[in-house]
Amino acid sequence: MDSHKENVILNLVEQARLQSDALIVVGILPGGRIFHSCDPRLPLPDLHGALRDNLDFICESVAHHRACKTKERSRS
């Protein structure tokens, strides 16, 4: 990814975090690359804990969302 595109993505992520009042927005790209925006007031131990504590919920939420989408498509 070129640096201009990366800067555009980081700006959009920052805007999304601020507009949604999120503490953390993280994106995972192929090859283990990530982009993120994190509230600067959130200490690193709290960031680590928030990510760890919400990992299962995030995966369950994605699974639920995908199941709902599949169900909607099967009704069409």
N, C-alpha and C. Protein backbone atom coordinates (compact mmCIF):
# COMPACT_ATOMS: atom_id res chain seq x y z
N MET A 1 0.86 -1.17 0.00
CA MET A 1 0.00 0.00 0.00
C MET A 1 0.91 1.23 0.00
N ASP A 2 0.61 2.17 -0.90
CA ASP A 2 1.46 3.37 -0.94
C ASP A 2 1.14 4.29 0.23
N SER A 3 2.07 5.19 0.53
CA SER A 3 1.94 6.03 1.73
C SER A 3 0.76 6.98 1.64
N HIS A 4 0.40 7.46 0.43
CA HIS A 4 -0.77 8.34 0.30
C HIS A 4 -2.04 7.60 0.67
N LYS A 5 -2.19 6.38 0.14
CA LYS A 5 -3.38 5.58 0.43
C LYS A 5 -3.44 5.24 1.93
N GLU A 6 -2.28 4.92 2.50
CA GLU A 6 -2.22 4.62 3.93
C GLU A 6 -2.64 5.83 4.76
N ASN A 7 -2.18 7.02 4.40
CA ASN A 7 -2.56 8.24 5.12
C ASN A 7 -4.05 8.52 5.01
N VAL A 8 -4.63 8.27 3.84
CA VAL A 8 -6.08 8.46 3.66
C VAL A 8 -6.84 7.50 4.57
N ILE A 9 -6.42 6.24 4.61
CA ILE A 9 -7.08 5.25 5.46
C ILE A 9 -6.97 5.64 6.93
N LEU A 10 -5.79 6.04 7.36
CA LEU A 10 -5.60 6.42 8.76
C LEU A 10 -6.47 7.63 9.12
N ASN A 11 -6.61 8.58 8.20
CA ASN A 11 -7.46 9.74 8.44
C ASN A 11 -8.93 9.31 8.58
N LEU A 12 -9.38 8.42 7.71
CA LEU A 12 -10.76 7.93 7.79
C LEU A 12 -11.02 7.16 9.09
N VAL A 13 -10.03 6.37 9.51
CA VAL A 13 -10.16 5.61 10.75
C VAL A 13 -10.24 6.56 11.94
N GLU A 14 -9.41 7.58 11.94
CA GLU A 14 -9.44 8.57 13.02
C GLU A 14 -10.79 9.27 13.07
N GLN A 15 -11.31 9.67 11.90
CA GLN A 15 -12.63 10.32 11.86
C GLN A 15 -13.73 9.39 12.37
N ALA A 16 -13.67 8.12 11.95
CA ALA A 16 -14.67 7.15 12.40
C ALA A 16 -14.62 6.97 13.91
N ARG A 17 -13.41 6.90 14.46
CA ARG A 17 -13.27 6.74 15.91
C ARG A 17 -13.85 7.93 16.64
N LEU A 18 -13.53 9.13 16.18
CA LEU A 18 -14.01 10.34 16.84
C LEU A 18 -15.52 10.48 16.73
N GLN A 19 -16.07 10.22 15.55
CA GLN A 19 -17.52 10.39 15.35
C GLN A 19 -18.34 9.34 16.08
N SER A 20 -17.75 8.18 16.32
CA SER A 20 -18.51 7.12 17.00
C SER A 20 -18.22 7.05 18.49
N ASP A 21 -17.36 7.94 18.99
CA ASP A 21 -16.96 7.93 20.39
C ASP A 21 -16.29 6.61 20.78
N ALA A 22 -15.64 5.96 19.82
CA ALA A 22 -14.94 4.70 20.09
C ALA A 22 -13.61 4.99 20.78
N LEU A 23 -13.18 4.06 21.60
CA LEU A 23 -11.86 4.16 22.21
C LEU A 23 -10.78 3.67 21.24
N ILE A 24 -11.13 2.63 20.48
CA ILE A 24 -10.15 1.98 19.61
C ILE A 24 -10.84 1.59 18.30
N VAL A 25 -10.17 1.82 17.18
CA VAL A 25 -10.59 1.28 15.89
C VAL A 25 -9.34 0.61 15.32
N VAL A 26 -9.48 -0.68 14.98
CA VAL A 26 -8.35 -1.45 14.48
C VAL A 26 -8.75 -2.13 13.19
N GLY A 27 -7.86 -2.10 12.22
CA GLY A 27 -8.05 -2.84 10.97
C GLY A 27 -6.87 -3.78 10.78
N ILE A 28 -7.15 -4.98 10.33
CA ILE A 28 -6.11 -5.98 10.10
C ILE A 28 -6.05 -6.26 8.61
N LEU A 29 -4.87 -6.09 8.04
CA LEU A 29 -4.65 -6.31 6.62
C LEU A 29 -3.91 -7.62 6.40
N PRO A 30 -3.99 -8.16 5.19
CA PRO A 30 -3.18 -9.35 4.89
C PRO A 30 -1.70 -9.08 5.16
N GLY A 31 -1.00 -10.11 5.50
CA GLY A 31 0.43 -9.98 5.77
C GLY A 31 0.74 -9.47 7.16
N GLY A 32 -0.27 -9.44 8.04
CA GLY A 32 -0.04 -9.02 9.41
C GLY A 32 0.08 -7.53 9.62
N ARG A 33 -0.26 -6.74 8.60
CA ARG A 33 -0.23 -5.29 8.76
C ARG A 33 -1.52 -4.83 9.42
N ILE A 34 -1.42 -3.78 10.21
CA ILE A 34 -2.61 -3.24 10.86
C ILE A 34 -2.64 -1.73 10.69
N PHE A 35 -3.84 -1.18 10.85
CA PHE A 35 -3.98 0.26 10.99
C PHE A 35 -4.87 0.48 12.19
N HIS A 36 -4.72 1.61 12.85
CA HIS A 36 -5.48 1.81 14.08
C HIS A 36 -5.61 3.29 14.40
N SER A 37 -6.61 3.54 15.21
CA SER A 37 -6.77 4.84 15.86
C SER A 37 -7.18 4.53 17.28
N CYS A 38 -6.50 5.14 18.22
CA CYS A 38 -6.75 4.87 19.63
C CYS A 38 -6.84 6.19 20.38
N ASP A 39 -7.81 6.30 21.26
CA ASP A 39 -7.93 7.49 22.10
C ASP A 39 -6.61 7.70 22.82
N PRO A 40 -6.00 8.87 22.66
CA PRO A 40 -4.68 9.09 23.27
C PRO A 40 -4.70 9.07 24.80
N ARG A 41 -5.87 9.18 25.40
CA ARG A 41 -5.96 9.14 26.86
C ARG A 41 -6.00 7.72 27.42
N LEU A 42 -6.16 6.73 26.54
CA LEU A 42 -6.26 5.34 26.97
C LEU A 42 -4.86 4.77 27.22
N PRO A 43 -4.53 4.46 28.48
CA PRO A 43 -3.20 3.92 28.77
C PRO A 43 -3.00 2.55 28.09
N LEU A 44 -1.76 2.23 27.78
CA LEU A 44 -1.46 0.97 27.09
C LEU A 44 -1.96 -0.27 27.84
N PRO A 45 -1.84 -0.35 29.16
CA PRO A 45 -2.39 -1.53 29.84
C PRO A 45 -3.92 -1.65 29.63
N ASP A 46 -4.62 -0.52 29.63
CA ASP A 46 -6.06 -0.55 29.39
C ASP A 46 -6.37 -0.94 27.95
N LEU A 47 -5.55 -0.48 27.01
CA LEU A 47 -5.72 -0.87 25.61
C LEU A 47 -5.58 -2.37 25.48
N HIS A 48 -4.53 -2.91 26.07
CA HIS A 48 -4.30 -4.35 26.02
C HIS A 48 -5.48 -5.10 26.63
N GLY A 49 -5.94 -4.65 27.77
CA GLY A 49 -7.07 -5.30 28.43
C GLY A 49 -8.35 -5.21 27.61
N ALA A 50 -8.61 -4.05 27.03
CA ALA A 50 -9.82 -3.86 26.22
C ALA A 50 -9.82 -4.79 25.01
N LEU A 51 -8.68 -4.89 24.35
CA LEU A 51 -8.59 -5.80 23.20
C LEU A 51 -8.77 -7.24 23.63
N ARG A 52 -8.09 -7.64 24.69
CA ARG A 52 -8.18 -9.02 25.19
C ARG A 52 -9.60 -9.35 25.64
N ASP A 53 -10.22 -8.45 26.40
CA ASP A 53 -11.54 -8.70 26.96
C ASP A 53 -12.65 -8.74 25.91
N ASN A 54 -12.42 -8.11 24.76
CA ASN A 54 -13.48 -8.04 23.76
C ASN A 54 -13.26 -8.95 22.56
N LEU A 55 -12.19 -9.69 22.53
CA LEU A 55 -11.88 -10.52 21.38
C LEU A 55 -12.97 -11.55 21.10
N ASP A 56 -13.40 -12.30 22.11
CA ASP A 56 -14.45 -13.30 21.92
C ASP A 56 -15.75 -12.65 21.48
N PHE A 57 -16.09 -11.51 22.09
CA PHE A 57 -17.33 -10.82 21.72
C PHE A 57 -17.28 -10.37 20.26
N ILE A 58 -16.14 -9.87 19.82
CA ILE A 58 -15.99 -9.43 18.43
C ILE A 58 -16.20 -10.60 17.47
N CYS A 59 -15.56 -11.72 17.76
CA CYS A 59 -15.70 -12.90 16.90
C CYS A 59 -17.15 -13.39 16.90
N GLU A 60 -17.79 -13.42 18.05
CA GLU A 60 -19.20 -13.84 18.13
C GLU A 60 -20.10 -12.88 17.37
N SER A 61 -19.82 -11.59 17.46
CA SER A 61 -20.61 -10.60 16.75
C SER A 61 -20.48 -10.76 15.24
N VAL A 62 -19.26 -11.00 14.77
CA VAL A 62 -19.05 -11.23 13.34
C VAL A 62 -19.80 -12.48 12.89
N ALA A 63 -19.71 -13.55 13.68
CA ALA A 63 -20.40 -14.79 13.33
C ALA A 63 -21.91 -14.57 13.27
N HIS A 64 -22.45 -13.84 14.24
CA HIS A 64 -23.89 -13.55 14.27
C HIS A 64 -24.30 -12.73 13.05
N HIS A 65 -23.52 -11.71 12.74
CA HIS A 65 -23.82 -10.85 11.59
C HIS A 65 -23.81 -11.65 10.29
N ARG A 66 -22.81 -12.51 10.15
CA ARG A 66 -22.72 -13.34 8.94
C ARG A 66 -23.91 -14.29 8.85
N ALA A 67 -24.31 -14.87 9.98
CA ALA A 67 -25.46 -15.78 9.98
C ALA A 67 -26.73 -15.05 9.58
N CYS A 68 -26.90 -13.83 10.07
CA CYS A 68 -28.08 -13.03 9.70
C CYS A 68 -28.08 -12.73 8.21
N LYS A 69 -26.91 -12.36 7.66
CA LYS A 69 -26.81 -12.07 6.23
C LYS A 69 -27.13 -13.31 5.40
N THR A 70 -26.64 -14.47 5.82
CA THR A 70 -26.90 -15.72 5.11
C THR A 70 -28.39 -16.04 5.15
N LYS A 71 -29.00 -15.84 6.29
CA LYS A 71 -30.44 -16.08 6.44
C LYS A 71 -31.24 -15.16 5.54
N GLU A 72 -30.86 -13.89 5.47
CA GLU A 72 -31.54 -12.92 4.60
C GLU A 72 -31.43 -13.33 3.14
N ARG A 73 -30.25 -13.76 2.72
CA ARG A 73 -30.05 -14.18 1.32
C ARG A 73 -30.88 -15.40 0.98
N SER A 74 -31.01 -16.33 1.93
CA SER A 74 -31.77 -17.56 1.66
C SER A 74 -33.26 -17.28 1.56
N ARG A 75 -33.73 -16.20 2.16
CA ARG A 75 -35.15 -15.82 2.06
C ARG A 75 -35.46 -15.16 0.72
N SER A 76 -34.46 -14.58 0.09
CA SER A 76 -34.69 -13.85 -1.17
C SER A 76 -34.91 -14.78 -2.33
